[in-house]
């Protein structure tokens, strides 16, 4: 739908890895 940036937030590293593969920047709430 045209987003310029997507920031994905989760506490599971494997799920965040999937989000990065889709183009998202990621935040792990168990690390920061």
ModelCIF file with pLDDT and N, C-alpha, C, O atoms, coordinates in Angstrom:
data_MODEL
#
_entry.id   MODEL 
#
_entity.id                         1 
_entity.type                       polymer 
_entity.pdbx_number_of_molecules   1 
#
_entity_poly.entity_id                      1 
_entity_poly.type                           'polypeptide(L)' 
_entity_poly.nstd_linkage                   no 
_entity_poly.nstd_monomer                   no 
_entity_poly.pdbx_seq_one_letter_code       
;(UNK)(UNK)(UNK)(UNK)(UNK)(UNK)(UNK)(UNK)(UNK)(UNK)(UNK)(UNK)(UNK)(UNK)(UNK)(UNK)
(UNK)(UNK)(UNK)(UNK)(UNK)(UNK)(UNK)(UNK)(UNK)(UNK)(UNK)(UNK)(UNK)(UNK)(UNK)(UNK)
;
_entity_poly.pdbx_seq_one_letter_code_can   XXXXXXXXXXXXXXXXXXXXXXXXXXXXXXXX 
_entity_poly.pdbx_strand_id                 A 
#
loop_
_entity_poly_seq.entity_id 
_entity_poly_seq.num 
_entity_poly_seq.mon_id 
_entity_poly_seq.hetero 
1 1  UNK n 
1 2  UNK n 
1 3  UNK n 
1 4  UNK n 
1 5  UNK n 
1 6  UNK n 
1 7  UNK n 
1 8  UNK n 
1 9  UNK n 
1 10 UNK n 
1 11 UNK n 
1 12 UNK n 
1 13 UNK n 
1 14 UNK n 
1 15 UNK n 
1 16 UNK n 
1 17 UNK n 
1 18 UNK n 
1 19 UNK n 
1 20 UNK n 
1 21 UNK n 
1 22 UNK n 
1 23 UNK n 
1 24 UNK n 
1 25 UNK n 
1 26 UNK n 
1 27 UNK n 
1 28 UNK n 
1 29 UNK n 
1 30 UNK n 
1 31 UNK n 
1 32 UNK n 
#
_struct_asym.id          A 
_struct_asym.entity_id   1 
#
loop_
_ma_qa_metric.id 
_ma_qa_metric.mode 
_ma_qa_metric.name 
_ma_qa_metric.software_group_id 
_ma_qa_metric.type 
1 global pLDDT . pLDDT 
2 local  pLDDT . pLDDT 
#
_ma_qa_metric_global.metric_id      1 
_ma_qa_metric_global.metric_value   96.53 
_ma_qa_metric_global.model_id       1 
_ma_qa_metric_global.ordinal_id     1 
#
loop_
_ma_qa_metric_local.label_asym_id 
_ma_qa_metric_local.label_comp_id 
_ma_qa_metric_local.label_seq_id 
_ma_qa_metric_local.metric_id 
_ma_qa_metric_local.metric_value 
_ma_qa_metric_local.model_id 
_ma_qa_metric_local.ordinal_id 
A UNK 1  2 93.00 1 1  
A UNK 2  2 95.00 1 2  
A UNK 3  2 97.00 1 3  
A UNK 4  2 96.00 1 4  
A UNK 5  2 98.00 1 5  
A UNK 6  2 98.00 1 6  
A UNK 7  2 98.00 1 7  
A UNK 8  2 98.00 1 8  
A UNK 9  2 98.00 1 9  
A UNK 10 2 97.00 1 10 
A UNK 11 2 96.00 1 11 
A UNK 12 2 95.00 1 12 
A UNK 13 2 95.00 1 13 
A UNK 14 2 95.00 1 14 
A UNK 15 2 96.00 1 15 
A UNK 16 2 97.00 1 16 
A UNK 17 2 96.00 1 17 
A UNK 18 2 96.00 1 18 
A UNK 19 2 97.00 1 19 
A UNK 20 2 98.00 1 20 
A UNK 21 2 96.00 1 21 
A UNK 22 2 96.00 1 22 
A UNK 23 2 97.00 1 23 
A UNK 24 2 98.00 1 24 
A UNK 25 2 98.00 1 25 
A UNK 26 2 98.00 1 26 
A UNK 27 2 98.00 1 27 
A UNK 28 2 97.00 1 28 
A UNK 29 2 97.00 1 29 
A UNK 30 2 95.00 1 30 
A UNK 31 2 95.00 1 31 
A UNK 32 2 95.00 1 32 
#
loop_
_atom_site.group_PDB 
_atom_site.id 
_atom_site.type_symbol 
_atom_site.label_atom_id 
_atom_site.label_alt_id 
_atom_site.label_comp_id 
_atom_site.label_asym_id 
_atom_site.label_entity_id 
_atom_site.label_seq_id 
_atom_site.pdbx_PDB_ins_code 
_atom_site.Cartn_x 
_atom_site.Cartn_y 
_atom_site.Cartn_z 
_atom_site.occupancy 
_atom_site.B_iso_or_equiv 
_atom_site.pdbx_formal_charge 
_atom_site.auth_seq_id 
_atom_site.auth_comp_id 
_atom_site.auth_asym_id 
_atom_site.auth_atom_id 
_atom_site.pdbx_PDB_model_num 
ATOM 1   N N  . UNK A 1 1  ? 0.808  -1.222  0.000  1.00 93.00 ? 1  UNK A N  1 
ATOM 2   C CA . UNK A 1 1  ? 0.000  0.000   0.000  1.00 93.00 ? 1  UNK A CA 1 
ATOM 3   C C  . UNK A 1 1  ? 0.841  1.271   0.000  1.00 93.00 ? 1  UNK A C  1 
ATOM 4   O O  . UNK A 1 1  ? 0.318  2.367   0.205  1.00 93.00 ? 1  UNK A O  1 
ATOM 5   N N  . UNK A 1 2  ? 2.144  1.125   -0.230 1.00 95.00 ? 2  UNK A N  1 
ATOM 6   C CA . UNK A 1 2  ? 2.971  2.307   -0.444 1.00 95.00 ? 2  UNK A CA 1 
ATOM 7   C C  . UNK A 1 2  ? 3.823  2.768   0.718  1.00 95.00 ? 2  UNK A C  1 
ATOM 8   O O  . UNK A 1 2  ? 4.416  3.845   0.657  1.00 95.00 ? 2  UNK A O  1 
ATOM 9   N N  . UNK A 1 3  ? 3.900  1.974   1.781  1.00 97.00 ? 3  UNK A N  1 
ATOM 10  C CA . UNK A 1 3  ? 4.741  2.386   2.907  1.00 97.00 ? 3  UNK A CA 1 
ATOM 11  C C  . UNK A 1 3  ? 6.190  2.559   2.471  1.00 97.00 ? 3  UNK A C  1 
ATOM 12  O O  . UNK A 1 3  ? 6.723  1.757   1.704  1.00 97.00 ? 3  UNK A O  1 
ATOM 13  N N  . UNK A 1 4  ? 6.815  3.614   2.969  1.00 96.00 ? 4  UNK A N  1 
ATOM 14  C CA . UNK A 1 4  ? 8.229  3.860   2.666  1.00 96.00 ? 4  UNK A CA 1 
ATOM 15  C C  . UNK A 1 4  ? 9.120  3.029   3.577  1.00 96.00 ? 4  UNK A C  1 
ATOM 16  O O  . UNK A 1 4  ? 10.137 2.488   3.142  1.00 96.00 ? 4  UNK A O  1 
ATOM 17  N N  . UNK A 1 5  ? 8.728  2.931   4.848  1.00 98.00 ? 5  UNK A N  1 
ATOM 18  C CA . UNK A 1 5  ? 9.464  2.129   5.827  1.00 98.00 ? 5  UNK A CA 1 
ATOM 19  C C  . UNK A 1 5  ? 8.474  1.353   6.668  1.00 98.00 ? 5  UNK A C  1 
ATOM 20  O O  . UNK A 1 5  ? 7.382  1.837   6.963  1.00 98.00 ? 5  UNK A O  1 
ATOM 21  N N  . UNK A 1 6  ? 8.861  0.137   7.055  1.00 98.00 ? 6  UNK A N  1 
ATOM 22  C CA . UNK A 1 6  ? 8.079  -0.658  7.992  1.00 98.00 ? 6  UNK A CA 1 
ATOM 23  C C  . UNK A 1 6  ? 9.003  -1.083  9.124  1.00 98.00 ? 6  UNK A C  1 
ATOM 24  O O  . UNK A 1 6  ? 10.072 -1.645  8.888  1.00 98.00 ? 6  UNK A O  1 
ATOM 25  N N  . UNK A 1 7  ? 8.585  -0.814  10.342 1.00 98.00 ? 7  UNK A N  1 
ATOM 26  C CA . UNK A 1 7  ? 9.336  -1.221  11.533 1.00 98.00 ? 7  UNK A CA 1 
ATOM 27  C C  . UNK A 1 7  ? 8.545  -2.326  12.214 1.00 98.00 ? 7  UNK A C  1 
ATOM 28  O O  . UNK A 1 7  ? 7.405  -2.113  12.626 1.00 98.00 ? 7  UNK A O  1 
ATOM 29  N N  . UNK A 1 8  ? 9.143  -3.502  12.332 1.00 98.00 ? 8  UNK A N  1 
ATOM 30  C CA . UNK A 1 8  ? 8.463  -4.652  12.927 1.00 98.00 ? 8  UNK A CA 1 
ATOM 31  C C  . UNK A 1 8  ? 9.013  -4.903  14.326 1.00 98.00 ? 8  UNK A C  1 
ATOM 32  O O  . UNK A 1 8  ? 10.227 -4.912  14.535 1.00 98.00 ? 8  UNK A O  1 
ATOM 33  N N  . UNK A 1 9  ? 8.102  -5.107  15.287 1.00 98.00 ? 9  UNK A N  1 
ATOM 34  C CA . UNK A 1 9  ? 8.502  -5.264  16.680 1.00 98.00 ? 9  UNK A CA 1 
ATOM 35  C C  . UNK A 1 9  ? 8.013  -6.608  17.210 1.00 98.00 ? 9  UNK A C  1 
ATOM 36  O O  . UNK A 1 9  ? 6.846  -6.963  17.048 1.00 98.00 ? 9  UNK A O  1 
ATOM 37  N N  . UNK A 1 10 ? 8.919  -7.350  17.845 1.00 97.00 ? 10 UNK A N  1 
ATOM 38  C CA . UNK A 1 10 ? 8.576  -8.647  18.428 1.00 97.00 ? 10 UNK A CA 1 
ATOM 39  C C  . UNK A 1 10 ? 9.660  -8.993  19.448 1.00 97.00 ? 10 UNK A C  1 
ATOM 40  O O  . UNK A 1 10 ? 10.663 -8.287  19.557 1.00 97.00 ? 10 UNK A O  1 
ATOM 41  N N  . UNK A 1 11 ? 9.459  -10.076 20.190 1.00 96.00 ? 11 UNK A N  1 
ATOM 42  C CA . UNK A 1 11 ? 10.462 -10.516 21.143 1.00 96.00 ? 11 UNK A CA 1 
ATOM 43  C C  . UNK A 1 11 ? 11.113 -11.824 20.769 1.00 96.00 ? 11 UNK A C  1 
ATOM 44  O O  . UNK A 1 11 ? 11.885 -12.384 21.548 1.00 96.00 ? 11 UNK A O  1 
ATOM 45  N N  . UNK A 1 12 ? 10.802 -12.330 19.554 1.00 95.00 ? 12 UNK A N  1 
ATOM 46  C CA . UNK A 1 12 ? 11.337 -13.611 19.096 1.00 95.00 ? 12 UNK A CA 1 
ATOM 47  C C  . UNK A 1 12 ? 12.228 -13.383 17.880 1.00 95.00 ? 12 UNK A C  1 
ATOM 48  O O  . UNK A 1 12 ? 11.780 -12.866 16.857 1.00 95.00 ? 12 UNK A O  1 
ATOM 49  N N  . UNK A 1 13 ? 13.486 -13.773 18.000 1.00 95.00 ? 13 UNK A N  1 
ATOM 50  C CA . UNK A 1 13 ? 14.468 -13.489 16.954 1.00 95.00 ? 13 UNK A CA 1 
ATOM 51  C C  . UNK A 1 13 ? 14.107 -14.130 15.623 1.00 95.00 ? 13 UNK A C  1 
ATOM 52  O O  . UNK A 1 13 ? 14.321 -13.526 14.572 1.00 95.00 ? 13 UNK A O  1 
ATOM 53  N N  . UNK A 1 14 ? 13.559 -15.352 15.647 1.00 95.00 ? 14 UNK A N  1 
ATOM 54  C CA . UNK A 1 14 ? 13.241 -16.034 14.393 1.00 95.00 ? 14 UNK A CA 1 
ATOM 55  C C  . UNK A 1 14 ? 12.129 -15.307 13.632 1.00 95.00 ? 14 UNK A C  1 
ATOM 56  O O  . UNK A 1 14 ? 12.152 -15.245 12.403 1.00 95.00 ? 14 UNK A O  1 
ATOM 57  N N  . UNK A 1 15 ? 11.176 -14.767 14.350 1.00 96.00 ? 15 UNK A N  1 
ATOM 58  C CA . UNK A 1 15 ? 10.094 -14.029 13.697 1.00 96.00 ? 15 UNK A CA 1 
ATOM 59  C C  . UNK A 1 15 ? 10.602 -12.698 13.120 1.00 96.00 ? 15 UNK A C  1 
ATOM 60  O O  . UNK A 1 15 ? 10.188 -12.277 12.040 1.00 96.00 ? 15 UNK A O  1 
ATOM 61  N N  . UNK A 1 16 ? 11.494 -12.057 13.854 1.00 97.00 ? 16 UNK A N  1 
ATOM 62  C CA . UNK A 1 16 ? 12.068 -10.812 13.357 1.00 97.00 ? 16 UNK A CA 1 
ATOM 63  C C  . UNK A 1 16 ? 12.930 -11.060 12.128 1.00 97.00 ? 16 UNK A C  1 
ATOM 64  O O  . UNK A 1 16 ? 12.993 -10.218 11.231 1.00 97.00 ? 16 UNK A O  1 
ATOM 65  N N  . UNK A 1 17 ? 13.584 -12.192 12.082 1.00 96.00 ? 17 UNK A N  1 
ATOM 66  C CA . UNK A 1 17 ? 14.373 -12.532 10.897 1.00 96.00 ? 17 UNK A CA 1 
ATOM 67  C C  . UNK A 1 17 ? 13.477 -12.639 9.662  1.00 96.00 ? 17 UNK A C  1 
ATOM 68  O O  . UNK A 1 17 ? 13.849 -12.194 8.575  1.00 96.00 ? 17 UNK A O  1 
ATOM 69  N N  . UNK A 1 18 ? 12.305 -13.227 9.838  1.00 96.00 ? 18 UNK A N  1 
ATOM 70  C CA . UNK A 1 18 ? 11.338 -13.316 8.737  1.00 96.00 ? 18 UNK A CA 1 
ATOM 71  C C  . UNK A 1 18 ? 10.897 -11.924 8.295  1.00 96.00 ? 18 UNK A C  1 
ATOM 72  O O  . UNK A 1 18 ? 10.777 -11.655 7.099  1.00 96.00 ? 18 UNK A O  1 
ATOM 73  N N  . UNK A 1 19 ? 10.657 -11.048 9.260  1.00 97.00 ? 19 UNK A N  1 
ATOM 74  C CA . UNK A 1 19 ? 10.233 -9.686  8.933  1.00 97.00 ? 19 UNK A CA 1 
ATOM 75  C C  . UNK A 1 19 ? 11.310 -8.947  8.148  1.00 97.00 ? 19 UNK A C  1 
ATOM 76  O O  . UNK A 1 19 ? 11.009 -8.221  7.200  1.00 97.00 ? 19 UNK A O  1 
ATOM 77  N N  . UNK A 1 20 ? 12.572 -9.136  8.548  1.00 98.00 ? 20 UNK A N  1 
ATOM 78  C CA . UNK A 1 20 ? 13.671 -8.501  7.807  1.00 98.00 ? 20 UNK A CA 1 
ATOM 79  C C  . UNK A 1 20 ? 13.737 -9.014  6.375  1.00 98.00 ? 20 UNK A C  1 
ATOM 80  O O  . UNK A 1 20 ? 14.021 -8.253  5.450  1.00 98.00 ? 20 UNK A O  1 
ATOM 81  N N  . UNK A 1 21 ? 13.474 -10.300 6.195  1.00 96.00 ? 21 UNK A N  1 
ATOM 82  C CA . UNK A 1 21 ? 13.496 -10.873 4.843  1.00 96.00 ? 21 UNK A CA 1 
ATOM 83  C C  . UNK A 1 21 ? 12.415 -10.254 3.960  1.00 96.00 ? 21 UNK A C  1 
ATOM 84  O O  . UNK A 1 21 ? 12.536 -10.249 2.735  1.00 96.00 ? 21 UNK A O  1 
ATOM 85  N N  . UNK A 1 22 ? 11.358 -9.732  4.585  1.00 96.00 ? 22 UNK A N  1 
ATOM 86  C CA . UNK A 1 22 ? 10.280 -9.078  3.843  1.00 96.00 ? 22 UNK A CA 1 
ATOM 87  C C  . UNK A 1 22 ? 10.538 -7.586  3.653  1.00 96.00 ? 22 UNK A C  1 
ATOM 88  O O  . UNK A 1 22 ? 9.723  -6.887  3.052  1.00 96.00 ? 22 UNK A O  1 
ATOM 89  N N  . UNK A 1 23 ? 11.674 -7.093  4.166  1.00 97.00 ? 23 UNK A N  1 
ATOM 90  C CA . UNK A 1 23 ? 12.053 -5.699  3.957  1.00 97.00 ? 23 UNK A CA 1 
ATOM 91  C C  . UNK A 1 23 ? 11.876 -4.781  5.142  1.00 97.00 ? 23 UNK A C  1 
ATOM 92  O O  . UNK A 1 23 ? 12.122 -3.580  5.032  1.00 97.00 ? 23 UNK A O  1 
ATOM 93  N N  . UNK A 1 24 ? 11.450 -5.322  6.287  1.00 98.00 ? 24 UNK A N  1 
ATOM 94  C CA . UNK A 1 24 ? 11.204 -4.472  7.455  1.00 98.00 ? 24 UNK A CA 1 
ATOM 95  C C  . UNK A 1 24 ? 12.480 -4.222  8.240  1.00 98.00 ? 24 UNK A C  1 
ATOM 96  O O  . UNK A 1 24 ? 13.401 -5.038  8.238  1.00 98.00 ? 24 UNK A O  1 
ATOM 97  N N  . UNK A 1 25 ? 12.516 -3.079  8.910  1.00 98.00 ? 25 UNK A N  1 
ATOM 98  C CA . UNK A 1 25 ? 13.485 -2.848  9.975  1.00 98.00 ? 25 UNK A CA 1 
ATOM 99  C C  . UNK A 1 25 ? 12.898 -3.483  11.239 1.00 98.00 ? 25 UNK A C  1 
ATOM 100 O O  . UNK A 1 25 ? 11.677 -3.576  11.373 1.00 98.00 ? 25 UNK A O  1 
ATOM 101 N N  . UNK A 1 26 ? 13.741 -3.914  12.149 1.00 98.00 ? 26 UNK A N  1 
ATOM 102 C CA . UNK A 1 26 ? 13.205 -4.679  13.277 1.00 98.00 ? 26 UNK A CA 1 
ATOM 103 C C  . UNK A 1 26 ? 13.675 -4.158  14.627 1.00 98.00 ? 26 UNK A C  1 
ATOM 104 O O  . UNK A 1 26 ? 14.750 -3.573  14.756 1.00 98.00 ? 26 UNK A O  1 
ATOM 105 N N  . UNK A 1 27 ? 12.827 -4.395  15.632 1.00 98.00 ? 27 UNK A N  1 
ATOM 106 C CA . UNK A 1 27 ? 13.129 -4.064  17.025 1.00 98.00 ? 27 UNK A CA 1 
ATOM 107 C C  . UNK A 1 27 ? 12.771 -5.281  17.868 1.00 98.00 ? 27 UNK A C  1 
ATOM 108 O O  . UNK A 1 27 ? 11.638 -5.762  17.820 1.00 98.00 ? 27 UNK A O  1 
ATOM 109 N N  . UNK A 1 28 ? 13.724 -5.777  18.635 1.00 97.00 ? 28 UNK A N  1 
ATOM 110 C CA . UNK A 1 28 ? 13.498 -6.905  19.543 1.00 97.00 ? 28 UNK A CA 1 
ATOM 111 C C  . UNK A 1 28 ? 13.304 -6.341  20.953 1.00 97.00 ? 28 UNK A C  1 
ATOM 112 O O  . UNK A 1 28 ? 14.244 -5.818  21.552 1.00 97.00 ? 28 UNK A O  1 
ATOM 113 N N  . UNK A 1 29 ? 12.076 -6.450  21.480 1.00 97.00 ? 29 UNK A N  1 
ATOM 114 C CA . UNK A 1 29 ? 11.820 -5.830  22.788 1.00 97.00 ? 29 UNK A CA 1 
ATOM 115 C C  . UNK A 1 29 ? 12.455 -6.595  23.943 1.00 97.00 ? 29 UNK A C  1 
ATOM 116 O O  . UNK A 1 29 ? 12.382 -6.149  25.088 1.00 97.00 ? 29 UNK A O  1 
ATOM 117 N N  . UNK A 1 30 ? 13.078 -7.744  23.663 1.00 95.00 ? 30 UNK A N  1 
ATOM 118 C CA . UNK A 1 30 ? 13.854 -8.437  24.684 1.00 95.00 ? 30 UNK A CA 1 
ATOM 119 C C  . UNK A 1 30 ? 15.329 -8.034  24.656 1.00 95.00 ? 30 UNK A C  1 
ATOM 120 O O  . UNK A 1 30 ? 16.131 -8.532  25.446 1.00 95.00 ? 30 UNK A O  1 
ATOM 121 N N  . UNK A 1 31 ? 15.676 -7.132  23.746 1.00 95.00 ? 31 UNK A N  1 
ATOM 122 C CA . UNK A 1 31 ? 17.052 -6.661  23.649 1.00 95.00 ? 31 UNK A CA 1 
ATOM 123 C C  . UNK A 1 31 ? 17.178 -5.151  23.809 1.00 95.00 ? 31 UNK A C  1 
ATOM 124 O O  . UNK A 1 31 ? 18.249 -4.651  24.154 1.00 95.00 ? 31 UNK A O  1 
ATOM 125 N N  . UNK A 1 32 ? 16.095 -4.424  23.562 1.00 95.00 ? 32 UNK A N  1 
ATOM 126 C CA . UNK A 1 32 ? 16.118 -2.974  23.691 1.00 95.00 ? 32 UNK A CA 1 
ATOM 127 C C  . UNK A 1 32 ? 14.715 -2.476  24.023 1.00 95.00 ? 32 UNK A C  1 
ATOM 128 O O  . UNK A 1 32 ? 14.507 -1.273  24.176 1.00 95.00 ? 32 UNK A O  1 
#
